[in-house]
C-alpha atoms as a PDB file:
ATOM      1  CA  UNK A   1      -0.211  -0.041  -0.198  1.00  0.00           C
ATOM      2  CA  UNK A   2       1.416   3.192  -1.084  1.00  0.00           C
ATOM      3  CA  UNK A   3       1.880   6.752   1.072  1.00  0.00           C
ATOM      4  CA  UNK A   4      -0.449   9.357  -0.437  1.00  0.00           C
ATOM      5  CA  UNK A   5       2.620  11.990  -1.152  1.00  0.00           C
ATOM      6  CA  UNK A   6       1.877  16.156  -0.480  1.00  0.00           C
ATOM      7  CA  UNK A   7       1.897  18.445  -3.800  1.00  0.00           C
ATOM      8  CA  UNK A   8       6.142  19.580  -3.286  1.00  0.00           C
ATOM      9  CA  UNK A   9       7.148  15.452  -2.232  1.00  0.00           C
ATOM     10  CA  UNK A  10       5.357  14.069  -5.721  1.00  0.00           C
ATOM     11  CA  UNK A  11       6.577  16.874  -7.906  1.00  0.00           C
ATOM     12  CA  UNK A  12      10.326  15.087  -6.110  1.00  0.00           C
ATOM     13  CA  UNK A  13       9.521  11.740  -6.281  1.00  0.00           C
ATOM     14  CA  UNK A  14       8.379  12.351 -10.610  1.00  0.00           C
ATOM     15  CA  UNK A  15      11.188  14.330 -10.445  1.00  0.00           C
ATOM     16  CA  UNK A  16      13.159  11.635  -9.011  1.00  0.00           C
ATOM     17  CA  UNK A  17      11.772   8.340 -10.928  1.00  0.00           C
ATOM     18  CA  UNK A  18      12.230  10.210 -14.193  1.00  0.00           C
ATOM     19  CA  UNK A  19      15.745  10.509 -13.520  1.00  0.00           C
ATOM     20  CA  UNK A  20      15.870   7.162 -12.527  1.00  0.00           C
ATOM     21  CA  UNK A  21      13.664   5.690 -15.683  1.00  0.00           C
ATOM     22  CA  UNK A  22      16.209   8.297 -17.821  1.00  0.00           C
ATOM     23  CA  UNK A  23      19.464   7.199 -16.779  1.00  0.00           C
ATOM     24  CA  UNK A  24      18.391   3.187 -16.946  1.00  0.00           C
ATOM     25  CA  UNK A  25      18.213   3.951 -20.774  1.00  0.00           C
ATOM     26  CA  UNK A  26      21.707   5.150 -21.001  1.00  0.00           C
ATOM     27  CA  UNK A  27      22.985   2.703 -19.705  1.00  0.00           C
ATOM     28  CA  UNK A  28      21.475   0.388 -21.700  1.00  0.00           C
ATOM     29  CA  UNK A  29      22.060   2.394 -24.898  1.00  0.00           C
ATOM     30  CA  UNK A  30      25.937   2.784 -23.428  1.00  0.00           C
ATOM     31  CA  UNK A  31      25.755  -0.750 -23.139  1.00  0.00           C
ATOM     32  CA  UNK A  32      24.841  -2.310 -26.713  1.00  0.00           C
ATOM     33  CA  UNK A  33      27.773   0.517 -28.166  1.00  0.00           C
ATOM     34  CA  UNK A  34      30.404  -0.796 -25.415  1.00  0.00           C
ATOM     35  CA  UNK A  35      32.976  -3.048 -27.029  1.00  0.00           C
ATOM     36  CA  UNK A  36      34.879  -4.136 -23.971  1.00  0.00           C
ATOM     37  CA  UNK A  37      32.794  -7.548 -22.741  1.00  0.00           C
ATOM     38  CA  UNK A  38      33.448  -5.917 -19.021  1.00  0.00           C
ATOM     39  CA  UNK A  39      32.539  -2.968 -19.352  1.00  0.00           C
ATOM     40  CA  UNK A  40      29.709  -3.645 -20.952  1.00  0.00           C
ATOM     41  CA  UNK A  41      28.608  -6.121 -18.129  1.00  0.00           C
ATOM     42  CA  UNK A  42      29.079  -3.590 -15.502  1.00  0.00           C
ATOM     43  CA  UNK A  43      26.910  -1.337 -17.509  1.00  0.00           C
ATOM     44  CA  UNK A  44      23.788  -3.483 -18.137  1.00  0.00           C
ATOM     45  CA  UNK A  45      23.941  -4.447 -14.434  1.00  0.00           C
ATOM     46  CA  UNK A  46      23.834  -0.440 -13.672  1.00  0.00           C
ATOM     47  CA  UNK A  47      21.091  -0.211 -16.002  1.00  0.00           C
ATOM     48  CA  UNK A  48      19.247  -2.902 -14.342  1.00  0.00           C
ATOM     49  CA  UNK A  49      19.788  -1.299 -10.824  1.00  0.00           C
ATOM     50  CA  UNK A  50      18.540   2.009 -11.923  1.00  0.00           C
ATOM     51  CA  UNK A  51      15.325   0.008 -13.835  1.00  0.00           C
ATOM     52  CA  UNK A  52      14.654  -1.367  -9.783  1.00  0.00           C
ATOM     53  CA  UNK A  53      14.977   2.033  -8.394  1.00  0.00           C
ATOM     54  CA  UNK A  54      12.423   3.182 -10.410  1.00  0.00           C
ATOM     55  CA  UNK A  55      10.477   0.045  -9.942  1.00  0.00           C
ATOM     56  CA  UNK A  56      10.828   1.089  -6.533  1.00  0.00           C
ATOM     57  CA  UNK A  57       9.651   4.350  -6.591  1.00  0.00           C
ATOM     58  CA  UNK A  58       6.661   3.559  -8.567  1.00  0.00           C
ATOM     59  CA  UNK A  59       5.968   0.807  -5.637  1.00  0.00           C
ATOM     60  CA  UNK A  60       6.039   2.863  -2.546  1.00  0.00           C
ATOM     61  CA  UNK A  61       4.858   5.934  -3.601  1.00  0.00           C
ATOM     62  CA  UNK A  62       2.888   5.377  -7.322  1.00  0.00           C
ATOM     63  CA  UNK A  63       4.595   8.002  -9.255  1.00  0.00           C
ATOM     64  CA  UNK A  64       5.663   6.769 -12.656  1.00  0.00           C
ATOM     65  CA  UNK A  65       7.575   8.904 -15.544  1.00  0.00           C
ATOM     66  CA  UNK A  66       8.909   8.678 -18.600  1.00  0.00           C
ATOM     67  CA  UNK A  67      12.298   8.660 -19.888  1.00  0.00           C
ATOM     68  CA  UNK A  68      13.467  12.277 -20.810  1.00  0.00           C
ATOM     69  CA  UNK A  69      14.518  11.554 -24.685  1.00  0.00           C
ATOM     70  CA  UNK A  70      16.770  14.342 -25.276  1.00  0.00           C
ATOM     71  CA  UNK A  71      19.037  13.826 -22.220  1.00  0.00           C
ATOM     72  CA  UNK A  72      19.239  10.098 -23.277  1.00  0.00           C
ATOM     73  CA  UNK A  73      20.836  11.878 -26.885  1.00  0.00           C
ATOM     74  CA  UNK A  74      22.761  14.172 -25.248  1.00  0.00           C
ATOM     75  CA  UNK A  75      24.646  11.438 -22.723  1.00  0.00           C
ATOM     76  CA  UNK A  76      24.754   9.231 -26.267  1.00  0.00           C
ATOM     77  CA  UNK A  77      26.039  11.568 -28.305  1.00  0.00           C
ATOM     78  CA  UNK A  78      29.067  12.879 -25.362  1.00  0.00           C
ATOM     79  CA  UNK A  79      30.168   9.094 -24.825  1.00  0.00           C
ATOM     80  CA  UNK A  80      30.726   9.286 -28.666  1.00  0.00           C
ATOM     81  CA  UNK A  81      32.592  12.352 -29.612  1.00  0.00           C
ATOM     82  CA  UNK A  82      34.452  12.624 -25.722  1.00  0.00           C
ATOM     83  CA  UNK A  83      34.166   8.953 -24.357  1.00  0.00           C
ATOM     84  CA  UNK A  84      32.389   6.644 -22.140  1.00  0.00           C
ATOM     85  CA  UNK A  85      34.713   7.854 -19.278  1.00  0.00           C
ATOM     86  CA  UNK A  86      33.931  11.450 -19.867  1.00  0.00           C
ATOM     87  CA  UNK A  87      29.654  11.052 -20.476  1.00  0.00           C
ATOM     88  CA  UNK A  88      29.517   8.431 -17.208  1.00  0.00           C
ATOM     89  CA  UNK A  89      31.586  10.288 -14.807  1.00  0.00           C
ATOM     90  CA  UNK A  90      29.472  13.682 -15.280  1.00  0.00           C
ATOM     91  CA  UNK A  91      25.812  11.535 -15.196  1.00  0.00           C
ATOM     92  CA  UNK A  92      27.770  10.630 -12.207  1.00  0.00           C
ATOM     93  CA  UNK A  93      28.463  13.587 -10.705  1.00  0.00           C
ATOM     94  CA  UNK A  94      24.786  14.422 -11.267  1.00  0.00           C
ATOM     95  CA  UNK A  95      23.935  11.846  -9.434  1.00  0.00           C
ATOM     96  CA  UNK A  96      25.533  13.053  -5.848  1.00  0.00           C
ATOM     97  CA  UNK A  97      22.589  15.334  -5.685  1.00  0.00           C
ATOM     98  CA  UNK A  98      20.359  12.860  -5.908  1.00  0.00           C
ATOM     99  CA  UNK A  99      22.004  10.601  -3.118  1.00  0.00           C
ATOM    100  CA  UNK A 100      21.640  13.662  -0.601  1.00  0.00           C
ATOM    101  CA  UNK A 101      18.331  14.272  -1.451  1.00  0.00           C
ATOM    102  CA  UNK A 102      17.110  10.688  -1.170  1.00  0.00           C
ATOM    103  CA  UNK A 103      18.125  10.247   1.877  1.00  0.00           C
ATOM    104  CA  UNK A 104      15.341  12.933   3.162  1.00  0.00           C
ATOM    105  CA  UNK A 105      12.419  10.597   2.057  1.00  0.00           C
ATOM    106  CA  UNK A 106      12.493   9.550   5.637  1.00  0.00           C
ATOM    107  CA  UNK A 107       8.514   9.028   5.196  1.00  0.00           C
ATOM    108  CA  UNK A 108       9.433   6.508   2.676  1.00  0.00           C
ATOM    109  CA  UNK A 109      12.440   4.185   4.802  1.00  0.00           C
ATOM    110  CA  UNK A 110      12.757   1.580   1.378  1.00  0.00           C
ATOM    111  CA  UNK A 111      14.012   4.989  -1.091  1.00  0.00           C
ATOM    112  CA  UNK A 112      16.175   6.118   1.514  1.00  0.00           C
ATOM    113  CA  UNK A 113      18.248   3.243   0.761  1.00  0.00           C
ATOM    114  CA  UNK A 114      18.647   4.054  -2.657  1.00  0.00           C
ATOM    115  CA  UNK A 115      21.431   6.904  -1.410  1.00  0.00           C
ATOM    116  CA  UNK A 116      23.356   3.517  -0.505  1.00  0.00           C
ATOM    117  CA  UNK A 117      22.517   1.502  -3.710  1.00  0.00           C
ATOM    118  CA  UNK A 118      23.299   5.178  -5.463  1.00  0.00           C
ATOM    119  CA  UNK A 119      27.164   4.967  -3.516  1.00  0.00           C
ATOM    120  CA  UNK A 120      28.052   1.537  -4.457  1.00  0.00           C
ATOM    121  CA  UNK A 121      27.250   2.995  -7.991  1.00  0.00           C
ATOM    122  CA  UNK A 122      30.122   5.559  -8.081  1.00  0.00           C
ATOM    123  CA  UNK A 123      32.601   2.784  -6.761  1.00  0.00           C
ATOM    124  CA  UNK A 124      31.434   0.380  -9.894  1.00  0.00           C
ATOM    125  CA  UNK A 125      31.534   3.801 -12.483  1.00  0.00           C
ATOM    126  CA  UNK A 126      35.401   4.230 -11.199  1.00  0.00           C
ATOM    127  CA  UNK A 127      36.184   0.552 -11.692  1.00  0.00           C
ATOM    128  CA  UNK A 128      34.710   0.459 -14.741  1.00  0.00           C
ATOM    129  CA  UNK A 129      36.626   2.424 -17.621  1.00  0.00           C
ATOM    130  CA  UNK A 130      39.629   1.286 -19.098  1.00  0.00           C
ATOM    131  CA  UNK A 131      39.367   3.043 -22.398  1.00  0.00           C
ATOM    132  CA  UNK A 132      42.167   4.104 -24.595  1.00  0.00           C
ATOM    133  CA  UNK A 133      41.461   7.521 -24.616  1.00  0.00           C
ATOM    134  CA  UNK A 134      42.190   7.988 -21.361  1.00  0.00           C
ATOM    135  CA  UNK A 135      44.284   6.056 -20.856  1.00  0.00           C
ATOM    136  CA  UNK A 136      46.582   8.485 -23.618  1.00  0.00           C
ATOM    137  CA  UNK A 137      44.904  11.673 -21.498  1.00  0.00           C
ATOM    138  CA  UNK A 138      48.954  12.096 -20.220  1.00  0.00           C
ATOM    139  CA  UNK A 139      50.156  12.224 -24.016  1.00  0.00           C
ATOM    140  CA  UNK A 140      47.010  14.568 -24.746  1.00  0.00           C
ATOM    141  CA  UNK A 141      47.824  16.787 -21.742  1.00  0.00           C
ATOM    142  CA  UNK A 142      51.277  17.450 -22.784  1.00  0.00           C
ATOM    143  CA  UNK A 143      50.683  18.439 -26.102  1.00  0.00           C
ATOM    144  CA  UNK A 144      48.167  20.863 -25.358  1.00  0.00           C
ATOM    145  CA  UNK A 145      49.827  21.999 -21.756  1.00  0.00           C
ATOM    146  CA  UNK A 146      53.311  22.536 -23.435  1.00  0.00           C
ATOM    147  CA  UNK A 147      51.869  24.303 -26.872  1.00  0.00           C
ATOM    148  CA  UNK A 148      49.518  26.831 -24.490  1.00  0.00           C
ATOM    149  CA  UNK A 149      52.159  28.068 -22.184  1.00  0.00           C
ATOM    150  CA  UNK A 150      54.698  27.617 -24.730  1.00  0.00           C
ATOM    151  CA  UNK A 151      52.671  29.153 -27.779  1.00  0.00           C
ATOM    152  CA  UNK A 152      50.584  31.729 -26.020  1.00  0.00           C
ATOM    153  CA  UNK A 153      53.929  33.432 -25.203  1.00  0.00           C
ATOM    154  CA  UNK A 154      56.004  32.798 -28.461  1.00  0.00           C
ATOM    155  CA  UNK A 155      52.819  34.955 -30.409  1.00  0.00           C
ATOM    156  CA  UNK A 156      52.943  37.604 -27.713  1.00  0.00           C
ATOM    157  CA  UNK A 157      56.547  37.874 -27.811  1.00  0.00           C
ATOM    158  CA  UNK A 158      55.976  38.025 -32.070  1.00  0.00           C
ATOM    159  CA  UNK A 159      53.139  40.514 -31.770  1.00  0.00           C
ATOM    160  CA  UNK A 160      55.581  42.711 -30.343  1.00  0.00           C
ATOM    161  CA  UNK A 161      58.929  42.305 -32.371  1.00  0.00           C
ATOM    162  CA  UNK A 162      56.555  42.186 -36.118  1.00  0.00           C
ATOM    163  CA  UNK A 163      53.890  43.563 -35.924  1.00  0.00           C
ATOM    164  CA  UNK A 164      52.632  42.301 -38.800  1.00  0.00           C
ATOM    165  CA  UNK A 165      49.807  39.699 -38.554  1.00  0.00           C
ATOM    166  CA  UNK A 166      49.981  37.401 -41.409  1.00  0.00           C
ATOM    167  CA  UNK A 167      54.129  37.421 -40.694  1.00  0.00           C
ATOM    168  CA  UNK A 168      53.282  36.280 -37.010  1.00  0.00           C
ATOM    169  CA  UNK A 169      50.645  33.906 -38.160  1.00  0.00           C
ATOM    170  CA  UNK A 170      53.255  32.304 -40.891  1.00  0.00           C
ATOM    171  CA  UNK A 171      55.700  32.260 -38.154  1.00  0.00           C
ATOM    172  CA  UNK A 172      53.383  31.030 -35.844  1.00  0.00           C
ATOM    173  CA  UNK A 173      52.608  28.597 -38.052  1.00  0.00           C
ATOM    174  CA  UNK A 174      56.567  27.328 -38.732  1.00  0.00           C
ATOM    175  CA  UNK A 175      57.266  27.392 -35.440  1.00  0.00           C
ATOM    176  CA  UNK A 176      54.131  25.179 -34.281  1.00  0.00           C
ATOM    177  CA  UNK A 177      54.897  22.268 -37.163  1.00  0.00           C
ATOM    178  CA  UNK A 178      58.577  22.003 -35.335  1.00  0.00           C
ATOM    179  CA  UNK A 179      57.710  22.349 -31.947  1.00  0.00           C
ATOM    180  CA  UNK A 180      54.531  20.035 -32.384  1.00  0.00           C
ATOM    181  CA  UNK A 181      56.982  17.226 -34.680  1.00  0.00           C
ATOM    182  CA  UNK A 182      59.298  17.803 -31.510  1.00  0.00           C
ATOM    183  CA  UNK A 183      56.985  16.935 -29.046  1.00  0.00           C
ATOM    184  CA  UNK A 184      55.644  14.190 -30.378  1.00  0.00           C
ATOM    185  CA  UNK A 185      58.766  12.234 -31.218  1.00  0.00           C
ATOM    186  CA  UNK A 186      60.031  13.191 -27.757  1.00  0.00           C
ATOM    187  CA  UNK A 187      56.742  11.314 -26.477  1.00  0.00           C
ATOM    188  CA  UNK A 188      57.623   8.501 -28.727  1.00  0.00           C
ATOM    189  CA  UNK A 189      60.845   7.992 -27.789  1.00  0.00           C
ATOM    190  CA  UNK A 190      59.710   8.614 -23.976  1.00  0.00           C
ATOM    191  CA  UNK A 191      56.911   5.837 -24.198  1.00  0.00           C
ATOM    192  CA  UNK A 192      59.370   3.438 -26.204  1.00  0.00           C
ATOM    193  CA  UNK A 193      62.183   3.535 -23.154  1.00  0.00           C
ATOM    194  CA  UNK A 194      59.980   3.467 -20.514  1.00  0.00           C
ATOM    195  CA  UNK A 195      57.267   0.703 -18.911  1.00  0.00           C
ATOM    196  CA  UNK A 196      54.186   2.786 -19.809  1.00  0.00           C
ATOM    197  CA  UNK A 197      51.929   0.427 -20.707  1.00  0.00           C
ATOM    198  CA  UNK A 198      51.031   2.802 -24.108  1.00  0.00           C
ATOM    199  CA  UNK A 199      51.886   2.116 -27.548  1.00  0.00           C
ATOM    200  CA  UNK A 200      54.833   4.372 -28.735  1.00  0.00           C
ATOM    201  CA  UNK A 201      53.534   5.431 -32.347  1.00  0.00           C
ATOM    202  CA  UNK A 202      49.702   6.129 -30.477  1.00  0.00           C
ATOM    203  CA  UNK A 203      51.290   8.348 -27.447  1.00  0.00           C
ATOM    204  CA  UNK A 204      53.045  10.356 -30.394  1.00  0.00           C
ATOM    205  CA  UNK A 205      50.315  10.913 -32.276  1.00  0.00           C
ATOM    206  CA  UNK A 206      47.757  12.137 -29.978  1.00  0.00           C
ATOM    207  CA  UNK A 207      50.529  14.756 -28.042  1.00  0.00           C
ATOM    208  CA  UNK A 208      51.544  16.097 -31.564  1.00  0.00           C
ATOM    209  CA  UNK A 209      47.585  16.419 -32.503  1.00  0.00           C
ATOM    210  CA  UNK A 210      46.895  17.914 -29.505  1.00  0.00           C
ATOM    211  CA  UNK A 211      49.451  20.438 -30.114  1.00  0.00           C
ATOM    212  CA  UNK A 212      49.008  20.803 -33.951  1.00  0.00           C
ATOM    213  CA  UNK A 213      45.543  21.932 -32.735  1.00  0.00           C
ATOM    214  CA  UNK A 214      45.788  24.000 -29.806  1.00  0.00           C
ATOM    215  CA  UNK A 215      48.505  26.003 -32.352  1.00  0.00           C
ATOM    216  CA  UNK A 216      45.602  25.684 -35.379  1.00  0.00           C
ATOM    217  CA  UNK A 217      43.429  27.686 -32.937  1.00  0.00           C
ATOM    218  CA  UNK A 218      46.061  30.320 -31.362  1.00  0.00           C
ATOM    219  CA  UNK A 219      47.849  31.084 -34.916  1.00  0.00           C
ATOM    220  CA  UNK A 220      43.956  31.871 -36.758  1.00  0.00           C
ATOM    221  CA  UNK A 221      43.201  35.081 -35.138  1.00  0.00           C
ATOM    222  CA  UNK A 222      46.076  36.428 -37.001  1.00  0.00           C
ATOM    223  CA  UNK A 223      45.632  35.144 -40.358  1.00  0.00           C
ATOM    224  CA  UNK A 224      42.305  35.906 -40.020  1.00  0.00           C
ATOM    225  CA  UNK A 225      42.615  39.489 -38.490  1.00  0.00           C
ATOM    226  CA  UNK A 226      44.451  42.815 -39.766  1.00  0.00           C
ATOM    227  CA  UNK A 227      44.584  44.843 -36.628  1.00  0.00           C
ATOM    228  CA  UNK A 228      47.232  42.927 -34.190  1.00  0.00           C
ATOM    229  CA  UNK A 229      46.289  43.764 -30.959  1.00  0.00           C
ATOM    230  CA  UNK A 230      42.704  42.370 -31.568  1.00  0.00           C
ATOM    231  CA  UNK A 231      44.315  38.956 -33.083  1.00  0.00           C
ATOM    232  CA  UNK A 232      46.546  39.350 -29.424  1.00  0.00           C
ATOM    233  CA  UNK A 233      43.680  39.821 -27.475  1.00  0.00           C
ATOM    234  CA  UNK A 234      41.587  37.460 -29.438  1.00  0.00           C
ATOM    235  CA  UNK A 235      44.244  34.580 -29.576  1.00  0.00           C
ATOM    236  CA  UNK A 236      44.426  35.090 -25.530  1.00  0.00           C
ATOM    237  CA  UNK A 237      40.456  34.576 -25.167  1.00  0.00           C
ATOM    238  CA  UNK A 238      40.775  31.209 -27.107  1.00  0.00           C
ATOM    239  CA  UNK A 239      43.652  30.388 -25.281  1.00  0.00           C
ATOM    240  CA  UNK A 240      41.355  30.963 -21.983  1.00  0.00           C
ATOM    241  CA  UNK A 241      38.375  28.773 -23.787  1.00  0.00           C
ATOM    242  CA  UNK A 242      40.677  25.657 -24.562  1.00  0.00           C
ATOM    243  CA  UNK A 243      41.987  25.737 -21.257  1.00  0.00           C
ATOM    244  CA  UNK A 244      38.229  25.725 -19.539  1.00  0.00           C
ATOM    245  CA  UNK A 245      37.091  23.636 -22.104  1.00  0.00           C
ATOM    246  CA  UNK A 246      40.489  21.251 -21.215  1.00  0.00           C
ATOM    247  CA  UNK A 247      39.910  21.441 -17.455  1.00  0.00           C
ATOM    248  CA  UNK A 248      36.371  20.868 -17.205  1.00  0.00           C
ATOM    249  CA  UNK A 249      37.212  17.669 -19.672  1.00  0.00           C
ATOM    250  CA  UNK A 250      39.992  16.546 -17.553  1.00  0.00           C
ATOM    251  CA  UNK A 251      38.394  17.152 -13.975  1.00  0.00           C
ATOM    252  CA  UNK A 252      35.423  14.997 -15.199  1.00  0.00           C
ATOM    253  CA  UNK A 253      37.104  12.245 -16.196  1.00  0.00           C
ATOM    254  CA  UNK A 254      40.117  12.335 -13.729  1.00  0.00           C
ATOM    255  CA  UNK A 255      37.604  13.335 -10.830  1.00  0.00           C
ATOM    256  CA  UNK A 256      40.233  16.272 -10.220  1.00  0.00           C
ATOM    257  CA  UNK A 257      39.272  20.571  -8.879  1.00  0.00           C
ATOM    258  CA  UNK A 258      38.701  21.983 -11.841  1.00  0.00           C
ATOM    259  CA  UNK A 259      38.858  25.557 -10.914  1.00  0.00           C
ATOM    260  CA  UNK A 260      42.341  24.707  -8.906  1.00  0.00           C
ATOM    261  CA  UNK A 261      43.703  22.998 -12.648  1.00  0.00           C
ATOM    262  CA  UNK A 262      42.203  25.724 -14.804  1.00  0.00           C
ATOM    263  CA  UNK A 263      43.587  28.609 -12.231  1.00  0.00           C
ATOM    264  CA  UNK A 264      47.356  26.728 -12.797  1.00  0.00           C
ATOM    265  CA  UNK A 265      47.069  26.581 -16.310  1.00  0.00           C
ATOM    266  CA  UNK A 266      45.571  29.878 -17.026  1.00  0.00           C
ATOM    267  CA  UNK A 267      48.302  31.288 -15.030  1.00  0.00           C
ATOM    268  CA  UNK A 268      51.023  29.698 -16.210  1.00  0.00           C
ATOM    269  CA  UNK A 269      49.875  30.394 -19.834  1.00  0.00           C
ATOM    270  CA  UNK A 270      48.998  34.066 -19.638  1.00  0.00           C
ATOM    271  CA  UNK A 271      52.331  34.716 -16.785  1.00  0.00           C
ATOM    272  CA  UNK A 272      54.535  33.367 -19.641  1.00  0.00           C
ATOM    273  CA  UNK A 273      52.499  35.406 -22.657  1.00  0.00           C
ATOM    274  CA  UNK A 274      53.362  38.710 -20.299  1.00  0.00           C
ATOM    275  CA  UNK A 275      57.069  37.935 -19.894  1.00  0.00           C
ATOM    276  CA  UNK A 276      57.182  36.931 -23.719  1.00  0.00           C
ATOM    277  CA  UNK A 277      55.403  40.533 -24.792  1.00  0.00           C
ATOM    278  CA  UNK A 278      57.861  42.337 -22.501  1.00  0.00           C
ATOM    279  CA  UNK A 279      60.866  40.702 -24.199  1.00  0.00           C
ATOM    280  CA  UNK A 280      59.788  40.860 -27.701  1.00  0.00           C
ATOM    281  CA  UNK A 281      59.573  44.947 -26.823  1.00  0.00           C
ATOM    282  CA  UNK A 282      62.910  44.781 -24.770  1.00  0.00           C
ATOM    283  CA  UNK A 283      64.613  42.998 -27.940  1.00  0.00           C
ATOM    284  CA  UNK A 284      63.115  45.400 -30.776  1.00  0.00           C
ATOM    285  CA  UNK A 285      63.963  48.379 -28.801  1.00  0.00           C
ATOM    286  CA  UNK A 286      67.509  47.462 -28.362  1.00  0.00           C
ATOM    287  CA  UNK A 287      68.279  46.116 -31.565  1.00  0.00           C
ATOM    288  CA  UNK A 288      66.537  48.817 -33.185  1.00  0.00           C
ATOM    289  CA  UNK A 289      65.264  45.737 -35.868  1.00  0.00           C
ATOM    290  CA  UNK A 290      61.987  46.756 -37.758  1.00  0.00           C
ATOM    291  CA  UNK A 291      60.132  43.993 -39.499  1.00  0.00           C
END
């Protein structure tokens, strides 16, 4: 026999029921696409438990809900584009609020037990992921962080020293490609000489690709704009967006603090850019060379 909830409680229960049935559908869809048998088995098990949670809410309160098709689509797309790890961890972060709120339904003791099961979910999710792109995250970090710190500084220095946006773009592109090849080669040799479990060629490709993508994003304002200072401003803005996007991805996938990583990378990149801009001004003044 179900208890009769008040209006506010009914709305909360309906929201939780919808979240449970939606997440069950998401896990089912992710499991259907997962090639790793162990990962697929765990995903299917979690999907079954989410369905059990939904059925328990219905049994205790009589509340029903339909799955959120938009949320299913979004998380399925995130898993396909950004990886299973990111999508699962992002959804897991959203479940923290559910754990806290479930424990408040003291009039439904069985529903309160869902909080304990949600905690167990997190442990399974942490142990779940065995994904290639996460294994090579260190190589991506190396390429992207090095490009951001080194290249924002280089372009800032070129801005004052050269003053011509097209020349800066050309010089920056040549410098960036050479640096990307150098970084990729270093990562290849490092992975080959150390027992990291990473394939040297793949590690080099991840590092080089991350560097080249960053270089392209930072050089493009100088190639497309005529005002060199405006291009510098856009470049620094693009660097900040890249830092924020990567910091968010990394913090979710690795379970680290977003603010700390973002502030650290931003301070390093913009600090180096400021120093390089000053060096460019100093060298231009001392040498008297005009581009």
